[in-house]
C-alpha cells in the first residue's frame, strides 16, 4: 500500500456490533490488531508477529 491512504465507510452490524474488515487488508496485514478508540475515529494497528 505504501503511502497511499485508504478510507472506508463501514456500518456496524446492529445485532452483533461488529464491522467486516476487507479481505485484501487481512491478507496483507493478518487478522490481529490493536484498536485505538478516539472520540472521532477508531484506528486499527496490525500486530506484527516476531519470527
N, C-alpha and C. Protein backbone atom coordinates (compact mmCIF):
# COMPACT_ATOMS: atom_id res chain seq x y z
N UNK A 1 0.82 -1.20 0.00
CA UNK A 1 0.00 0.00 0.00
C UNK A 1 0.86 1.25 0.00
N UNK A 2 2.06 1.21 0.54
CA UNK A 2 2.93 2.37 0.51
C UNK A 2 2.36 3.53 1.30
N UNK A 3 2.45 4.72 0.72
CA UNK A 3 1.94 5.92 1.37
C UNK A 3 0.49 6.22 1.01
N UNK A 4 -0.11 5.33 0.26
CA UNK A 4 -1.49 5.53 -0.17
C UNK A 4 -2.43 5.41 1.03
N UNK A 5 -3.31 6.37 1.18
CA UNK A 5 -4.29 6.36 2.27
C UNK A 5 -5.60 5.80 1.75
N UNK A 6 -6.12 4.80 2.43
CA UNK A 6 -7.41 4.21 2.07
C UNK A 6 -8.43 4.61 3.13
N UNK A 7 -9.60 5.03 2.69
CA UNK A 7 -10.67 5.41 3.61
C UNK A 7 -11.89 4.57 3.27
N UNK A 8 -12.42 3.87 4.27
CA UNK A 8 -13.61 3.05 4.09
C UNK A 8 -14.70 3.55 5.01
N UNK A 9 -15.92 3.58 4.51
CA UNK A 9 -17.08 3.90 5.34
C UNK A 9 -17.74 2.57 5.66
N UNK A 10 -17.85 2.25 6.94
CA UNK A 10 -18.45 0.99 7.36
C UNK A 10 -19.52 1.25 8.41
N UNK A 11 -20.57 0.45 8.39
CA UNK A 11 -21.61 0.49 9.41
C UNK A 11 -21.51 -0.78 10.24
N UNK A 12 -21.58 -0.64 11.57
CA UNK A 12 -21.53 -1.80 12.44
C UNK A 12 -22.83 -2.58 12.34
N UNK A 13 -22.71 -3.90 12.40
CA UNK A 13 -23.87 -4.78 12.44
C UNK A 13 -24.65 -4.46 13.72
N UNK A 14 -25.91 -4.17 13.61
CA UNK A 14 -26.70 -3.74 14.78
C UNK A 14 -26.90 -4.87 15.79
N UNK A 15 -27.01 -6.09 15.33
CA UNK A 15 -27.27 -7.21 16.22
C UNK A 15 -26.01 -7.66 16.97
N UNK A 16 -24.87 -7.77 16.26
CA UNK A 16 -23.65 -8.30 16.87
C UNK A 16 -22.57 -7.24 17.12
N UNK A 17 -22.84 -5.97 16.76
CA UNK A 17 -21.89 -4.87 16.97
C UNK A 17 -20.51 -5.16 16.39
N UNK A 18 -20.46 -5.55 15.13
CA UNK A 18 -19.17 -5.84 14.50
C UNK A 18 -19.08 -5.18 13.14
N UNK A 19 -17.84 -4.99 12.69
CA UNK A 19 -17.54 -4.40 11.39
C UNK A 19 -16.72 -5.42 10.61
N UNK A 20 -17.02 -5.59 9.34
CA UNK A 20 -16.26 -6.50 8.48
C UNK A 20 -15.08 -5.74 7.88
N UNK A 21 -13.87 -6.28 8.08
CA UNK A 21 -12.65 -5.68 7.52
C UNK A 21 -12.43 -6.31 6.15
N UNK A 22 -12.10 -5.50 5.13
CA UNK A 22 -11.92 -6.04 3.77
C UNK A 22 -10.87 -7.17 3.72
N UNK A 23 -11.17 -8.20 2.92
CA UNK A 23 -10.33 -9.39 2.82
C UNK A 23 -8.90 -9.06 2.39
N UNK A 24 -8.73 -8.15 1.41
CA UNK A 24 -7.37 -7.83 0.95
C UNK A 24 -6.53 -7.24 2.07
N UNK A 25 -7.16 -6.50 2.99
CA UNK A 25 -6.43 -5.89 4.12
C UNK A 25 -5.98 -6.97 5.10
N UNK A 26 -6.83 -7.95 5.36
CA UNK A 26 -6.48 -9.07 6.24
C UNK A 26 -5.37 -9.91 5.61
N UNK A 27 -5.43 -10.13 4.31
CA UNK A 27 -4.38 -10.90 3.63
C UNK A 27 -3.03 -10.20 3.71
N UNK A 28 -3.00 -8.88 3.66
CA UNK A 28 -1.75 -8.12 3.72
C UNK A 28 -1.23 -7.94 5.15
N UNK A 29 -2.15 -7.80 6.13
CA UNK A 29 -1.75 -7.40 7.48
C UNK A 29 -2.06 -8.43 8.56
N UNK A 30 -2.68 -9.54 8.22
CA UNK A 30 -3.06 -10.52 9.23
C UNK A 30 -4.38 -10.17 9.88
N UNK A 31 -4.80 -10.98 10.84
CA UNK A 31 -6.11 -10.76 11.45
C UNK A 31 -6.03 -10.37 12.93
N UNK A 32 -4.85 -9.94 13.39
CA UNK A 32 -4.69 -9.49 14.78
C UNK A 32 -4.33 -8.01 14.78
N UNK A 33 -5.06 -7.22 15.59
CA UNK A 33 -4.89 -5.77 15.60
C UNK A 33 -4.97 -5.22 17.02
N UNK A 34 -4.30 -4.10 17.23
CA UNK A 34 -4.57 -3.24 18.37
C UNK A 34 -5.63 -2.28 17.89
N UNK A 35 -6.56 -1.91 18.76
CA UNK A 35 -7.60 -0.96 18.40
C UNK A 35 -7.47 0.25 19.30
N UNK A 36 -7.19 1.41 18.71
CA UNK A 36 -7.15 2.67 19.44
C UNK A 36 -8.47 3.38 19.17
N UNK A 37 -9.20 3.70 20.22
CA UNK A 37 -10.50 4.33 20.08
C UNK A 37 -10.39 5.80 20.51
N UNK A 38 -10.71 6.69 19.59
CA UNK A 38 -10.70 8.13 19.83
C UNK A 38 -12.14 8.63 19.75
N UNK A 39 -12.36 9.86 20.15
CA UNK A 39 -13.70 10.42 20.11
C UNK A 39 -14.25 10.46 18.68
N UNK A 40 -13.40 10.80 17.70
CA UNK A 40 -13.86 10.97 16.32
C UNK A 40 -13.66 9.75 15.44
N UNK A 41 -12.78 8.81 15.82
CA UNK A 41 -12.47 7.68 14.95
C UNK A 41 -11.87 6.51 15.72
N UNK A 42 -11.76 5.37 15.04
CA UNK A 42 -11.10 4.17 15.57
C UNK A 42 -9.93 3.85 14.66
N UNK A 43 -8.79 3.54 15.24
CA UNK A 43 -7.57 3.24 14.47
C UNK A 43 -7.19 1.79 14.72
N UNK A 44 -7.03 1.00 13.65
CA UNK A 44 -6.58 -0.38 13.75
C UNK A 44 -5.10 -0.44 13.41
N UNK A 45 -4.32 -1.06 14.30
CA UNK A 45 -2.88 -1.19 14.09
C UNK A 45 -2.56 -2.68 14.06
N UNK A 46 -2.07 -3.19 12.92
CA UNK A 46 -1.76 -4.63 12.81
C UNK A 46 -0.67 -5.03 13.81
N UNK A 47 -0.82 -6.20 14.40
CA UNK A 47 0.19 -6.77 15.29
C UNK A 47 1.11 -7.61 14.42
N UNK A 48 2.37 -7.21 14.37
CA UNK A 48 3.36 -7.94 13.55
C UNK A 48 3.94 -9.07 14.40
N UNK A 49 3.86 -10.29 13.89
CA UNK A 49 4.39 -11.47 14.58
C UNK A 49 5.90 -11.49 14.46
N UNK A 50 6.58 -11.76 15.56
CA UNK A 50 8.03 -11.93 15.52
C UNK A 50 8.34 -13.38 15.20
N UNK A 51 9.31 -13.59 14.32
CA UNK A 51 9.65 -14.96 13.94
C UNK A 51 11.03 -15.31 14.43
